[in-house]
Amino acid sequence: MNLLFMLLYLIIIVLVIEISVTLMKLTGLKTTVARFQVISMLTGTGFTTDESKSIIDHPVRRKISMFLILFGAFSLAVIISSISTLLTDDLRLMELSIIIGILLVLTVLVKAPFLNNRISNKLKSEMYNHYELWEHPIEEVLFLEDEDVVMEIDIYEDSEFIEVKAFDVISHGADINILFIESGEVKIRKELYEYKIKLGDNLFLYGNKKEIEETFSKEIEAMKKKKVHRSEKNPSLS
């Protein structure tokens, strides 16, 4: 009976994962990312990946993640309790079966195409009606095309852009925008038209990934070599 209880509770966990992954997808998250993050939160693993920031920065996803963290902590307590004490003679299998039935219905409903669109629209409406634009994840606000990115470019010692005015770096008609330049401790945004790029500056760019990579190909290559050199000196960083 105890094994049956464990099996039923594991089914509940699987169904909660499936429902949560579907809801995360409806907020705009990729399936692979959604599944990994849901399992991470449910198990309390706490992976600090780039994708985890997309959860933290999104108000609706944060609410889902809070439920998963609490449910995961509760589930761990239940599983440990059932293994260590074998519970009691009354395993409440009927109650668990009812919960599984309810979760199965919810799983089918949230995955149904006709309901998918309604939930997705509801979540989008929640975001736009209750949160300011600056509270939205950066990819939803800025990334208008699939190739749009925000990139940081380091100006190294042999860069051809040293002592060149910031806006002379970008060719006319290029789909690249300079958001700001970080020069030491100073962040320059207001006087970019007259600012001349210096060694050690960091350019924060927004635009088409391919065009940025073509324009700053030497700088990007130098950044890659620098990272390889660091990882060789400190194997623990790789």
C-alpha atoms as a PDB file:
ATOM      1  CA  MET A   1       0.000   0.000   0.000  1.00  0.00           C
ATOM      2  CA  ASN A   2       2.849   2.344   0.789  1.00  0.00           C
ATOM      3  CA  LEU A   3       4.316   1.759  -2.679  1.00  0.00           C
ATOM      4  CA  LEU A   4       0.927   2.534  -4.208  1.00  0.00           C
ATOM      5  CA  PHE A   5       0.797   5.782  -2.208  1.00  0.00           C
ATOM      6  CA  MET A   6       4.252   6.746  -3.500  1.00  0.00           C
ATOM      7  CA  LEU A   7       3.252   5.934  -7.072  1.00  0.00           C
ATOM      8  CA  LEU A   8       0.093   8.030  -6.824  1.00  0.00           C
ATOM      9  CA  TYR A   9       1.986  10.971  -5.334  1.00  0.00           C
ATOM     10  CA  LEU A  10       4.634  10.779  -8.085  1.00  0.00           C
ATOM     11  CA  ILE A  11       1.812  10.931 -10.643  1.00  0.00           C
ATOM     12  CA  ILE A  12       0.584  14.115  -8.924  1.00  0.00           C
ATOM     13  CA  ILE A  13       4.094  15.624  -9.198  1.00  0.00           C
ATOM     14  CA  VAL A  14       4.327  14.719 -12.908  1.00  0.00           C
ATOM     15  CA  LEU A  15       0.929  16.301 -13.585  1.00  0.00           C
ATOM     16  CA  VAL A  16       1.880  19.485 -11.691  1.00  0.00           C
ATOM     17  CA  ILE A  17       5.063  19.673 -13.804  1.00  0.00           C
ATOM     18  CA  GLU A  18       3.099  19.274 -17.055  1.00  0.00           C
ATOM     19  CA  ILE A  19       0.544  21.946 -16.093  1.00  0.00           C
ATOM     20  CA  SER A  20       3.286  24.358 -15.004  1.00  0.00           C
ATOM     21  CA  VAL A  21       5.340  23.799 -18.168  1.00  0.00           C
ATOM     22  CA  THR A  22       2.262  24.499 -20.318  1.00  0.00           C
ATOM     23  CA  LEU A  23       1.514  27.720 -18.399  1.00  0.00           C
ATOM     24  CA  MET A  24       5.152  28.828 -18.709  1.00  0.00           C
ATOM     25  CA  LYS A  25       4.986  28.180 -22.472  1.00  0.00           C
ATOM     26  CA  LEU A  26       1.859  30.324 -22.715  1.00  0.00           C
ATOM     27  CA  THR A  27       3.821  33.245 -21.240  1.00  0.00           C
ATOM     28  CA  GLY A  28       6.257  32.988 -24.167  1.00  0.00           C
ATOM     29  CA  LEU A  29       8.929  30.647 -22.777  1.00  0.00           C
ATOM     30  CA  LYS A  30      10.419  27.881 -24.951  1.00  0.00           C
ATOM     31  CA  THR A  31       9.359  24.332 -24.026  1.00  0.00           C
ATOM     32  CA  THR A  32      12.889  23.102 -23.222  1.00  0.00           C
ATOM     33  CA  VAL A  33      13.630  26.135 -21.049  1.00  0.00           C
ATOM     34  CA  ALA A  34      10.228  25.942 -19.330  1.00  0.00           C
ATOM     35  CA  ARG A  35      10.612  22.243 -18.470  1.00  0.00           C
ATOM     36  CA  PHE A  36      14.154  22.671 -17.129  1.00  0.00           C
ATOM     37  CA  GLN A  37      13.229  25.668 -14.984  1.00  0.00           C
ATOM     38  CA  VAL A  38      10.032  24.062 -13.652  1.00  0.00           C
ATOM     39  CA  ILE A  39      11.904  20.925 -12.547  1.00  0.00           C
ATOM     40  CA  SER A  40      14.698  23.075 -11.074  1.00  0.00           C
ATOM     41  CA  MET A  41      12.223  25.056  -8.967  1.00  0.00           C
ATOM     42  CA  LEU A  42      10.209  22.007  -7.956  1.00  0.00           C
ATOM     43  CA  THR A  43      13.301  20.151  -6.742  1.00  0.00           C
ATOM     44  CA  GLY A  44      14.931  23.230  -5.212  1.00  0.00           C
ATOM     45  CA  THR A  45      18.006  22.711  -7.394  1.00  0.00           C
ATOM     46  CA  GLY A  46      18.407  26.429  -8.072  1.00  0.00           C
ATOM     47  CA  PHE A  47      20.405  26.471 -11.310  1.00  0.00           C
ATOM     48  CA  THR A  48      21.678  30.024 -11.970  1.00  0.00           C
ATOM     49  CA  THR A  49      21.435  29.943 -15.767  1.00  0.00           C
ATOM     50  CA  ASP A  50      20.738  32.841 -18.132  1.00  0.00           C
ATOM     51  CA  GLU A  51      17.235  31.420 -18.630  1.00  0.00           C
ATOM     52  CA  SER A  52      16.450  31.725 -14.918  1.00  0.00           C
ATOM     53  CA  LYS A  53      16.594  35.513 -15.295  1.00  0.00           C
ATOM     54  CA  SER A  54      13.689  35.276 -17.747  1.00  0.00           C
ATOM     55  CA  ILE A  55      11.645  33.779 -14.880  1.00  0.00           C
ATOM     56  CA  ILE A  56      12.658  36.367 -12.292  1.00  0.00           C
ATOM     57  CA  ASP A  57      12.015  39.319 -14.624  1.00  0.00           C
ATOM     58  CA  HIS A  58       8.487  38.177 -15.546  1.00  0.00           C
ATOM     59  CA  PRO A  59       5.750  38.851 -12.929  1.00  0.00           C
ATOM     60  CA  VAL A  60       3.408  36.050 -14.067  1.00  0.00           C
ATOM     61  CA  ARG A  61       6.230  33.476 -14.244  1.00  0.00           C
ATOM     62  CA  ARG A  62       7.333  34.552 -10.770  1.00  0.00           C
ATOM     63  CA  LYS A  63       3.909  33.633  -9.374  1.00  0.00           C
ATOM     64  CA  ILE A  64       4.066  30.188 -10.987  1.00  0.00           C
ATOM     65  CA  SER A  65       7.602  29.672  -9.680  1.00  0.00           C
ATOM     66  CA  MET A  66       6.583  30.610  -6.120  1.00  0.00           C
ATOM     67  CA  PHE A  67       3.891  27.913  -6.198  1.00  0.00           C
ATOM     68  CA  LEU A  68       6.377  25.351  -7.539  1.00  0.00           C
ATOM     69  CA  ILE A  69       8.966  26.147  -4.865  1.00  0.00           C
ATOM     70  CA  LEU A  70       6.374  25.783  -2.084  1.00  0.00           C
ATOM     71  CA  PHE A  71       4.862  22.635  -3.636  1.00  0.00           C
ATOM     72  CA  GLY A  72       8.352  21.149  -4.071  1.00  0.00           C
ATOM     73  CA  ALA A  73       9.215  21.742  -0.408  1.00  0.00           C
ATOM     74  CA  PHE A  74       5.904  20.172   0.662  1.00  0.00           C
ATOM     75  CA  SER A  75       6.391  17.191  -1.681  1.00  0.00           C
ATOM     76  CA  LEU A  76       9.889  16.532  -0.356  1.00  0.00           C
ATOM     77  CA  ALA A  77       8.510  16.442   3.193  1.00  0.00           C
ATOM     78  CA  VAL A  78       5.748  14.021   2.163  1.00  0.00           C
ATOM     79  CA  ILE A  79       8.115  11.678   0.325  1.00  0.00           C
ATOM     80  CA  ILE A  80      10.657  11.609   3.158  1.00  0.00           C
ATOM     81  CA  SER A  81       7.869  11.002   5.649  1.00  0.00           C
ATOM     82  CA  SER A  82       6.418   8.127   3.629  1.00  0.00           C
ATOM     83  CA  ILE A  83       9.796   6.456   3.216  1.00  0.00           C
ATOM     84  CA  SER A  84      11.018   6.855   6.793  1.00  0.00           C
ATOM     85  CA  THR A  85       7.837   6.079   8.751  1.00  0.00           C
ATOM     86  CA  LEU A  86       5.839   4.093   6.179  1.00  0.00           C
ATOM     87  CA  LEU A  87       3.076   6.475   7.198  1.00  0.00           C
ATOM     88  CA  THR A  88       0.044   4.824   8.784  1.00  0.00           C
ATOM     89  CA  ASP A  89      -2.434   2.176   7.761  1.00  0.00           C
ATOM     90  CA  ASP A  90      -4.672   4.930   6.398  1.00  0.00           C
ATOM     91  CA  LEU A  91      -2.810   6.158   3.333  1.00  0.00           C
ATOM     92  CA  ARG A  92      -5.819   8.099   2.018  1.00  0.00           C
ATOM     93  CA  LEU A  93      -5.541   6.532  -1.408  1.00  0.00           C
ATOM     94  CA  MET A  94      -9.066   7.624  -2.304  1.00  0.00           C
ATOM     95  CA  GLU A  95      -8.227  11.286  -1.676  1.00  0.00           C
ATOM     96  CA  LEU A  96      -5.038  10.978  -3.715  1.00  0.00           C
ATOM     97  CA  SER A  97      -6.969   9.345  -6.563  1.00  0.00           C
ATOM     98  CA  ILE A  98      -9.435  12.259  -6.582  1.00  0.00           C
ATOM     99  CA  ILE A  99      -6.565  14.791  -6.684  1.00  0.00           C
ATOM    100  CA  ILE A 100      -5.002  12.876  -9.594  1.00  0.00           C
ATOM    101  CA  GLY A 101      -8.330  12.924 -11.434  1.00  0.00           C
ATOM    102  CA  ILE A 102      -8.649  16.692 -10.983  1.00  0.00           C
ATOM    103  CA  LEU A 103      -5.063  17.271 -12.125  1.00  0.00           C
ATOM    104  CA  LEU A 104      -5.578  15.034 -15.179  1.00  0.00           C
ATOM    105  CA  VAL A 105      -8.583  17.124 -16.193  1.00  0.00           C
ATOM    106  CA  LEU A 106      -6.569  20.345 -15.679  1.00  0.00           C
ATOM    107  CA  THR A 107      -3.662  18.936 -17.711  1.00  0.00           C
ATOM    108  CA  VAL A 108      -5.952  18.088 -20.631  1.00  0.00           C
ATOM    109  CA  LEU A 109      -7.652  21.491 -20.425  1.00  0.00           C
ATOM    110  CA  VAL A 110      -4.474  23.638 -20.352  1.00  0.00           C
ATOM    111  CA  LYS A 111      -3.047  21.655 -23.282  1.00  0.00           C
ATOM    112  CA  ALA A 112      -6.218  21.893 -25.372  1.00  0.00           C
ATOM    113  CA  PRO A 113      -5.698  24.288 -28.332  1.00  0.00           C
ATOM    114  CA  PHE A 114      -9.037  26.059 -27.870  1.00  0.00           C
ATOM    115  CA  LEU A 115      -8.139  26.921 -24.272  1.00  0.00           C
ATOM    116  CA  ASN A 116      -4.459  27.626 -24.994  1.00  0.00           C
ATOM    117  CA  ASN A 117      -5.269  30.830 -26.868  1.00  0.00           C
ATOM    118  CA  ARG A 118      -7.637  32.062 -24.148  1.00  0.00           C
ATOM    119  CA  ILE A 119      -5.111  31.444 -21.367  1.00  0.00           C
ATOM    120  CA  SER A 120      -2.298  32.978 -23.414  1.00  0.00           C
ATOM    121  CA  ASN A 121      -4.364  36.096 -24.124  1.00  0.00           C
ATOM    122  CA  LYS A 122      -5.372  36.284 -20.461  1.00  0.00           C
ATOM    123  CA  LEU A 123      -1.727  36.141 -19.346  1.00  0.00           C
ATOM    124  CA  LYS A 124      -0.736  38.806 -21.872  1.00  0.00           C
ATOM    125  CA  SER A 125      -3.637  40.967 -20.739  1.00  0.00           C
ATOM    126  CA  GLU A 126      -2.484  40.520 -17.130  1.00  0.00           C
ATOM    127  CA  MET A 127       0.978  41.764 -18.080  1.00  0.00           C
ATOM    128  CA  TYR A 128      -0.135  44.800 -20.078  1.00  0.00           C
ATOM    129  CA  ASN A 129      -2.953  45.887 -17.769  1.00  0.00           C
ATOM    130  CA  HIS A 130      -1.201  45.511 -14.425  1.00  0.00           C
ATOM    131  CA  TYR A 131       2.493  46.086 -15.129  1.00  0.00           C
ATOM    132  CA  GLU A 132       4.377  49.036 -16.584  1.00  0.00           C
ATOM    133  CA  LEU A 133       6.446  48.548 -19.731  1.00  0.00           C
ATOM    134  CA  TRP A 134       9.719  48.728 -17.800  1.00  0.00           C
ATOM    135  CA  GLU A 135       8.580  45.776 -15.657  1.00  0.00           C
ATOM    136  CA  HIS A 136       8.348  43.495 -18.710  1.00  0.00           C
ATOM    137  CA  PRO A 137      11.254  41.167 -19.638  1.00  0.00           C
ATOM    138  CA  ILE A 138      13.749  42.855 -21.965  1.00  0.00           C
ATOM    139  CA  GLU A 139      13.248  40.303 -24.756  1.00  0.00           C
ATOM    140  CA  GLU A 140       9.524  41.074 -24.937  1.00  0.00           C
ATOM    141  CA  VAL A 141      10.078  44.830 -25.134  1.00  0.00           C
ATOM    142  CA  LEU A 142      13.150  45.115 -27.368  1.00  0.00           C
ATOM    143  CA  PHE A 143      13.425  41.932 -29.409  1.00  0.00           C
ATOM    144  CA  LEU A 144      11.110  42.719 -32.318  1.00  0.00           C
ATOM    145  CA  GLU A 145      12.732  40.201 -34.681  1.00  0.00           C
ATOM    146  CA  ASP A 146      14.235  36.744 -34.151  1.00  0.00           C
ATOM    147  CA  GLU A 147      17.752  38.091 -34.777  1.00  0.00           C
ATOM    148  CA  ASP A 148      17.514  41.033 -32.352  1.00  0.00           C
ATOM    149  CA  VAL A 149      20.004  41.000 -29.459  1.00  0.00           C
ATOM    150  CA  VAL A 150      21.586  43.192 -26.812  1.00  0.00           C
ATOM    151  CA  MET A 151      25.371  42.731 -26.837  1.00  0.00           C
ATOM    152  CA  GLU A 152      28.326  44.082 -24.897  1.00  0.00           C
ATOM    153  CA  ILE A 153      31.473  44.735 -26.943  1.00  0.00           C
ATOM    154  CA  ASP A 154      34.861  45.281 -25.263  1.00  0.00           C
ATOM    155  CA  ILE A 155      37.261  47.668 -26.997  1.00  0.00           C
ATOM    156  CA  TYR A 156      40.657  45.970 -26.912  1.00  0.00           C
ATOM    157  CA  GLU A 157      44.104  47.472 -27.520  1.00  0.00           C
ATOM    158  CA  ASP A 158      44.273  46.865 -31.302  1.00  0.00           C
ATOM    159  CA  SER A 159      40.697  47.910 -32.055  1.00  0.00           C
ATOM    160  CA  GLU A 160      40.245  50.127 -35.110  1.00  0.00           C
ATOM    161  CA  PHE A 161      37.535  52.081 -33.278  1.00  0.00           C
ATOM    162  CA  ILE A 162      39.798  53.708 -30.670  1.00  0.00           C
ATOM    163  CA  GLU A 163      39.562  57.526 -30.887  1.00  0.00           C
ATOM    164  CA  VAL A 164      36.643  57.225 -33.323  1.00  0.00           C
ATOM    165  CA  LYS A 165      33.399  59.028 -32.487  1.00  0.00           C
ATOM    166  CA  ALA A 166      30.796  56.578 -31.239  1.00  0.00           C
ATOM    167  CA  PHE A 167      28.247  57.202 -33.972  1.00  0.00           C
ATOM    168  CA  ASP A 168      30.889  57.063 -36.714  1.00  0.00           C
ATOM    169  CA  VAL A 169      31.428  53.420 -35.796  1.00  0.00           C
ATOM    170  CA  ILE A 170      27.983  52.428 -37.076  1.00  0.00           C
ATOM    171  CA  SER A 171      27.645  52.559 -40.860  1.00  0.00           C
ATOM    172  CA  HIS A 172      24.665  54.455 -42.303  1.00  0.00           C
ATOM    173  CA  GLY A 173      21.540  52.301 -42.510  1.00  0.00           C
ATOM    174  CA  ALA A 174      22.890  49.564 -40.244  1.00  0.00           C
ATOM    175  CA  ASP A 175      20.408  47.950 -37.883  1.00  0.00           C
ATOM    176  CA  ILE A 176      22.581  48.706 -34.832  1.00  0.00           C
ATOM    177  CA  ASN A 177      21.967  51.136 -31.988  1.00  0.00           C
ATOM    178  CA  ILE A 178      24.338  52.174 -29.206  1.00  0.00           C
ATOM    179  CA  LEU A 179      22.432  52.077 -25.917  1.00  0.00           C
ATOM    180  CA  PHE A 180      25.295  53.463 -23.828  1.00  0.00           C
ATOM    181  CA  ILE A 181      29.053  53.203 -23.322  1.00  0.00           C
ATOM    182  CA  GLU A 182      30.685  52.131 -20.096  1.00  0.00           C
ATOM    183  CA  SER A 183      34.031  53.864 -19.615  1.00  0.00           C
ATOM    184  CA  GLY A 184      35.537  52.765 -16.312  1.00  0.00           C
ATOM    185  CA  GLU A 185      32.999  53.652 -13.624  1.00  0.00           C
ATOM    186  CA  VAL A 186      31.179  56.134 -15.873  1.00  0.00           C
ATOM    187  CA  LYS A 187      28.190  55.224 -18.058  1.00  0.00           C
ATOM    188  CA  ILE A 188      27.865  57.575 -21.035  1.00  0.00           C
ATOM    189  CA  ARG A 189      24.495  57.986 -22.746  1.00  0.00           C
ATOM    190  CA  LYS A 190      23.735  61.686 -23.226  1.00  0.00           C
ATOM    191  CA  GLU A 191      26.823  62.789 -25.153  1.00  0.00           C
ATOM    192  CA  LEU A 192      27.386  59.830 -27.452  1.00  0.00           C
ATOM    193  CA  TYR A 193      27.490  61.942 -30.628  1.00  0.00           C
ATOM    194  CA  GLU A 194      30.716  63.663 -29.585  1.00  0.00           C
ATOM    195  CA  TYR A 195      32.262  60.919 -27.463  1.00  0.00           C
ATOM    196  CA  LYS A 196      35.430  59.294 -28.792  1.00  0.00           C
ATOM    197  CA  ILE A 197      35.830  55.629 -27.962  1.00  0.00           C
ATOM    198  CA  LYS A 198      38.780  54.756 -25.701  1.00  0.00           C
ATOM    199  CA  LEU A 199      40.739  51.610 -24.917  1.00  0.00           C
ATOM    200  CA  GLY A 200      38.888  49.525 -22.329  1.00  0.00           C
ATOM    201  CA  ASP A 201      35.447  50.964 -23.100  1.00  0.00           C
ATOM    202  CA  ASN A 202      32.459  48.633 -23.208  1.00  0.00           C
ATOM    203  CA  LEU A 203      29.837  49.321 -25.879  1.00  0.00           C
ATOM    204  CA  PHE A 204      26.298  48.149 -25.144  1.00  0.00           C
ATOM    205  CA  LEU A 205      24.560  47.604 -28.473  1.00  0.00           C
ATOM    206  CA  TYR A 206      21.042  46.714 -29.576  1.00  0.00           C
ATOM    207  CA  GLY A 207      20.130  45.507 -33.037  1.00  0.00           C
ATOM    208  CA  ASN A 208      20.576  42.741 -35.572  1.00  0.00           C
ATOM    209  CA  LYS A 209      22.931  40.043 -34.275  1.00  0.00           C
ATOM    210  CA  LYS A 210      24.501  39.301 -37.662  1.00  0.00           C
ATOM    211  CA  GLU A 211      25.232  42.982 -38.396  1.00  0.00           C
ATOM    212  CA  ILE A 212      26.743  43.511 -34.938  1.00  0.00           C
ATOM    213  CA  GLU A 213      28.958  40.445 -35.349  1.00  0.00           C
ATOM    214  CA  GLU A 214      30.103  41.617 -38.796  1.00  0.00           C
ATOM    215  CA  THR A 215      30.843  45.182 -37.659  1.00  0.00           C
ATOM    216  CA  PHE A 216      32.671  44.140 -34.489  1.00  0.00           C
ATOM    217  CA  SER A 217      34.097  40.812 -35.681  1.00  0.00           C
ATOM    218  CA  LYS A 218      37.650  41.590 -34.492  1.00  0.00           C
ATOM    219  CA  GLU A 219      36.472  42.760 -31.077  1.00  0.00           C
ATOM    220  CA  ILE A 220      34.293  39.659 -30.627  1.00  0.00           C
ATOM    221  CA  GLU A 221      37.179  37.408 -31.640  1.00  0.00           C
ATOM    222  CA  ALA A 222      39.453  39.156 -29.133  1.00  0.00           C
ATOM    223  CA  MET A 223      36.816  38.679 -26.414  1.00  0.00           C
ATOM    224  CA  LYS A 224      36.619  34.938 -27.192  1.00  0.00           C
ATOM    225  CA  LYS A 225      40.403  34.572 -27.009  1.00  0.00           C
ATOM    226  CA  LYS A 226      40.421  36.455 -23.712  1.00  0.00           C
ATOM    227  CA  LYS A 227      37.818  34.066 -22.255  1.00  0.00           C
ATOM    228  CA  VAL A 228      39.791  31.011 -23.461  1.00  0.00           C
ATOM    229  CA  HIS A 229      42.968  32.420 -21.926  1.00  0.00           C
ATOM    230  CA  ARG A 230      41.191  32.992 -18.589  1.00  0.00           C
ATOM    231  CA  SER A 231      39.750  29.479 -18.537  1.00  0.00           C
ATOM    232  CA  GLU A 232      43.201  27.981 -19.253  1.00  0.00           C
ATOM    233  CA  LYS A 233      44.699  29.925 -16.330  1.00  0.00           C
ATOM    234  CA  ASN A 234      41.724  29.093 -14.071  1.00  0.00           C
ATOM    235  CA  PRO A 235      40.266  25.667 -15.067  1.00  0.00           C
ATOM    236  CA  SER A 236      37.569  26.053 -12.405  1.00  0.00           C
ATOM    237  CA  LEU A 237      35.979  28.882 -14.464  1.00  0.00           C
ATOM    238  CA  SER A 238      35.369  26.666 -17.487  1.00  0.00           C
END
